[in-house]
Protein backbone atom coordinates (compact mmCIF):
# COMPACT_ATOMS: atom_id res chain seq x y z
CA MET A 1 97.61 -17.17 19.80
CA ASN A 2 96.22 -19.99 17.76
CA PHE A 3 92.75 -19.25 16.36
CA LEU A 4 92.38 -22.56 14.61
CA PRO A 5 90.74 -24.39 17.57
CA MET A 6 88.21 -21.54 17.96
CA ILE A 7 87.32 -21.69 14.27
CA LYS A 8 87.05 -25.48 14.39
CA GLY A 9 84.86 -25.21 17.50
CA PHE A 10 82.62 -22.68 15.81
CA TRP A 11 82.16 -24.72 12.66
CA GLY A 12 82.00 -27.95 14.55
CA GLY A 13 79.48 -26.67 17.11
CA GLY A 14 76.55 -26.91 14.81
CA VAL A 15 73.62 -24.63 14.08
CA ARG A 16 73.07 -23.56 17.67
CA THR A 17 76.55 -22.10 18.08
CA ALA A 18 76.33 -20.35 14.71
CA PHE A 19 72.94 -18.86 15.64
CA THR A 20 74.30 -17.63 19.00
CA PHE A 21 77.29 -16.06 17.30
CA MET A 22 75.11 -14.33 14.69
CA ALA A 23 72.72 -13.03 17.37
CA PHE A 24 75.67 -11.68 19.37
CA LEU A 25 77.14 -10.05 16.26
CA LEU A 26 73.78 -8.50 15.34
CA ALA A 27 73.22 -7.18 18.89
CA PHE A 28 76.73 -5.74 19.02
CA SER A 29 76.25 -4.05 15.62
CA GLY A 30 72.92 -2.57 16.76
CA ILE A 31 74.42 -1.19 19.97
CA ALA A 32 77.40 0.26 18.06
CA PHE A 33 75.05 1.89 15.52
CA LEU A 34 72.90 3.44 18.29
CA ALA A 35 75.99 4.75 20.08
CA VAL A 36 77.30 6.40 16.91
CA TYR A 37 73.84 7.85 16.17
CA TYR A 38 73.53 9.18 19.75
CA PHE A 39 76.89 10.94 19.54
CA TYR A 40 75.93 12.35 16.15
CA VAL A 41 72.71 13.82 17.61
CA LEU A 42 74.68 15.29 20.52
CA SER A 43 77.09 16.92 18.10
CA LEU A 44 74.14 18.45 16.22
CA TYR A 45 72.81 19.89 19.47
CA ARG A 46 76.15 21.46 20.34
CA GLU A 47 76.64 22.94 16.87
CA ARG A 48 73.04 23.66 15.87
CA ASP A 49 72.41 25.76 12.79
CA VAL A 50 68.88 27.07 13.31
CA SER A 51 67.30 30.51 13.14
CA GLU A 52 67.16 32.62 16.26
CA ALA A 53 63.35 32.58 16.23
CA TYR A 54 63.41 28.76 16.13
CA GLU A 55 65.90 28.67 18.99
CA ASP A 56 63.88 31.19 21.05
CA TYR A 57 60.71 29.15 20.57
CA PHE A 58 61.81 25.53 20.81
CA ILE A 59 65.04 25.60 22.83
CA SER A 60 65.07 28.71 25.04
CA ARG A 61 61.26 28.98 25.18
CA LYS A 62 61.35 32.80 25.15
CA ILE A 63 58.71 33.58 22.50
CA ARG A 64 55.07 32.50 22.37
CA PHE A 65 54.65 31.79 18.65
CA TRP A 66 56.90 30.53 15.89
CA ASN A 67 56.25 30.58 12.19
CA ARG A 68 58.84 28.96 9.97
CA TYR A 69 58.49 31.83 7.48
CA GLN A 70 58.91 34.60 10.08
CA ASN A 71 62.02 35.67 11.90
CA LEU A 72 62.52 38.17 14.70
CA TYR A 73 63.08 41.10 12.32
CA VAL A 74 60.37 43.74 12.44
CA ILE A 75 59.70 45.75 9.31
CA PRO A 76 59.01 49.39 10.21
CA GLY A 77 55.68 50.51 8.84
CA ARG A 78 54.19 47.03 8.74
CA ILE A 79 51.32 46.48 11.13
CA TYR A 80 51.11 42.87 12.34
CA SER A 81 47.53 41.72 12.87
CA THR A 82 47.15 39.36 15.80
CA VAL A 83 43.70 38.44 14.54
CA SER A 84 44.86 36.79 11.29
CA GLU A 85 48.47 35.91 12.16
CA ARG A 86 50.61 35.22 15.21
CA PRO A 87 53.60 37.58 15.27
CA SER A 88 56.69 35.81 16.55
CA PHE A 89 57.99 38.68 18.67
CA PHE A 90 55.60 38.29 21.63
CA GLY A 91 57.22 36.77 24.70
CA ARG A 92 55.91 33.56 26.24
CA GLU A 93 54.88 35.02 29.59
CA ASN A 94 51.36 36.42 30.07
CA VAL A 95 50.30 36.08 26.40
CA PHE A 96 47.24 33.96 25.71
CA PRO A 97 45.96 33.00 22.26
CA PRO A 98 42.24 33.37 21.65
CA GLU A 99 39.83 30.55 22.35
CA LYS A 100 38.53 30.98 18.80
CA ASP A 101 39.84 32.94 15.82
CA SER A 102 39.36 36.68 15.23
CA ASN A 103 39.69 37.70 18.88
CA GLY A 104 43.29 38.89 19.06
CA LEU A 105 45.85 38.00 21.73
CA GLU A 106 45.07 38.56 25.37
CA ILE A 107 47.93 40.05 27.37
CA ARG A 108 48.15 40.41 31.14
CA ASP A 109 50.61 42.05 33.51
CA LEU A 110 54.11 42.32 31.99
CA VAL A 111 54.69 41.05 28.44
CA PRO A 112 58.10 41.09 26.71
CA LEU A 113 58.42 41.96 23.02
CA ARG A 114 61.57 40.40 21.47
CA PHE A 115 62.53 41.67 18.02
CA LYS A 116 65.32 42.86 15.74
CA LEU A 117 65.64 45.96 13.58
CA TYR A 118 67.57 46.38 10.35
CA SER A 119 68.38 49.97 11.27
CA CYS A 120 68.58 51.54 14.72
CA SER A 121 69.45 55.08 13.69
CA GLU A 122 65.91 56.43 13.74
CA SER A 123 63.29 56.91 16.41
CA TYR A 124 60.27 54.64 16.08
CA SER A 125 56.84 54.49 17.59
CA LEU A 126 55.11 51.34 18.73
CA LYS A 127 51.57 51.41 17.36
CA ILE A 128 49.27 49.04 19.16
CA ARG A 129 45.53 48.52 18.81
CA VAL A 130 43.83 46.99 21.84
CA VAL A 131 40.37 46.11 23.08
CA ASN A 132 39.80 46.75 26.77
CA ASP A 133 36.74 45.82 28.84
CA ARG A 134 37.23 48.50 31.47
CA PRO A 135 39.26 51.69 31.96
CA GLY A 136 42.91 51.18 32.85
CA HIS A 137 46.36 51.95 31.54
CA LEU A 138 48.88 50.40 29.20
CA ASP A 139 52.60 51.07 29.74
CA LEU A 140 55.63 50.58 27.53
CA LEU A 141 58.99 50.03 29.22
CA ALA A 142 61.83 50.87 26.85
CA GLY A 143 65.29 50.82 28.39
CA LYS A 144 65.17 53.14 31.38
CA GLN A 145 62.10 55.03 30.15
CA SER A 146 58.48 54.24 30.85
CA TYR A 147 55.65 55.51 28.67
CA GLU A 148 52.07 55.38 29.91
CA SER A 149 48.82 55.51 28.01
CA VAL A 150 45.49 55.78 29.82
CA LEU A 151 42.70 53.70 28.30
CA GLU A 152 39.68 55.71 29.51
CA ILE A 153 37.00 54.35 27.24
CA PRO A 154 36.24 50.61 27.08
CA GLY A 155 36.36 49.25 23.54
CA VAL A 156 38.89 49.52 20.73
CA ASN A 157 41.74 51.93 21.45
CA GLU A 158 44.79 52.75 19.34
CA VAL A 159 47.92 53.76 21.24
CA LEU A 160 51.14 55.23 19.84
CA PHE A 161 54.20 54.95 22.11
CA PRO A 162 57.29 56.93 21.10
CA VAL A 163 60.50 54.88 21.24
CA PRO A 164 63.56 57.15 20.82
CA ALA A 165 66.62 55.67 19.09
CA GLU A 166 68.75 56.21 22.22
CA GLU A 167 66.38 54.00 24.24
CA LEU A 168 66.78 51.16 21.77
CA SER A 169 70.60 51.31 22.14
CA CYS A 170 71.14 48.60 19.58
CA VAL A 171 73.36 47.38 16.84
CA PRO A 172 71.41 46.36 13.73
CA GLY A 173 70.66 42.65 14.02
CA ASP A 174 70.83 42.54 17.83
CA THR A 175 67.78 41.22 19.66
CA LEU A 176 65.95 43.99 21.51
CA GLU A 177 63.42 43.71 24.31
CA LEU A 178 60.63 46.10 25.19
CA PHE A 179 57.94 45.36 27.74
CA LEU A 180 54.23 46.05 27.73
CA ARG A 181 52.54 46.30 31.11
CA THR A 182 48.77 46.29 31.60
CA GLN A 183 46.65 47.08 34.60
CA HIS A 184 43.84 44.81 33.41
CA PRO A 185 43.84 42.10 30.74
CA VAL A 186 43.52 43.58 27.22
CA LYS A 187 43.25 42.01 23.79
CA VAL A 188 45.80 43.11 21.22
CA LEU A 189 44.36 43.36 17.71
CA SER A 190 47.45 44.68 15.93
CA VAL A 191 50.95 45.86 16.71
CA GLY A 192 53.72 47.41 14.63
CA PHE A 193 56.59 49.85 14.52
CA VAL A 194 56.11 53.06 12.55
CA ARG A 195 58.51 55.92 11.85
């Protein structure tokens, strides 16, 4: 194929032909760049390297809060205040942040707790401090067991639920799920695992 007539036609066509060719070349380059960028973004999605807490919050939408400096690991003995911080292990369903600060989290019905433990060999207790407006009960569902606590007096109540190691049935680093169930809406002031 002889390219000489095409080159002569391009150079001989004047400014208008050169401008059309440059616009076509620029448009083609832009489309090629966007296609390569799009496939690059798709490859990042398929092979994402993010923390599990980030994935549970932004992608799977399983947890209610995400803090870039928190992960799903729970430190036994540490009590997480829901008044001053937002623990990342509360599930998304039936958890409502306060209208203003220093109120705690309001939970209703069935609320999942998603967390990880460094060691699963011991029995733990879930220590939770709640404010209730009226008498009711608060249940913890752990594996096949259900633990119930009756909240007889309205006001601040502290509840300690035993969680035996066999009910956790975990491998260190696996994500565990426990469920809190309330009869009436309650506000959680603090929550933590103690030995």
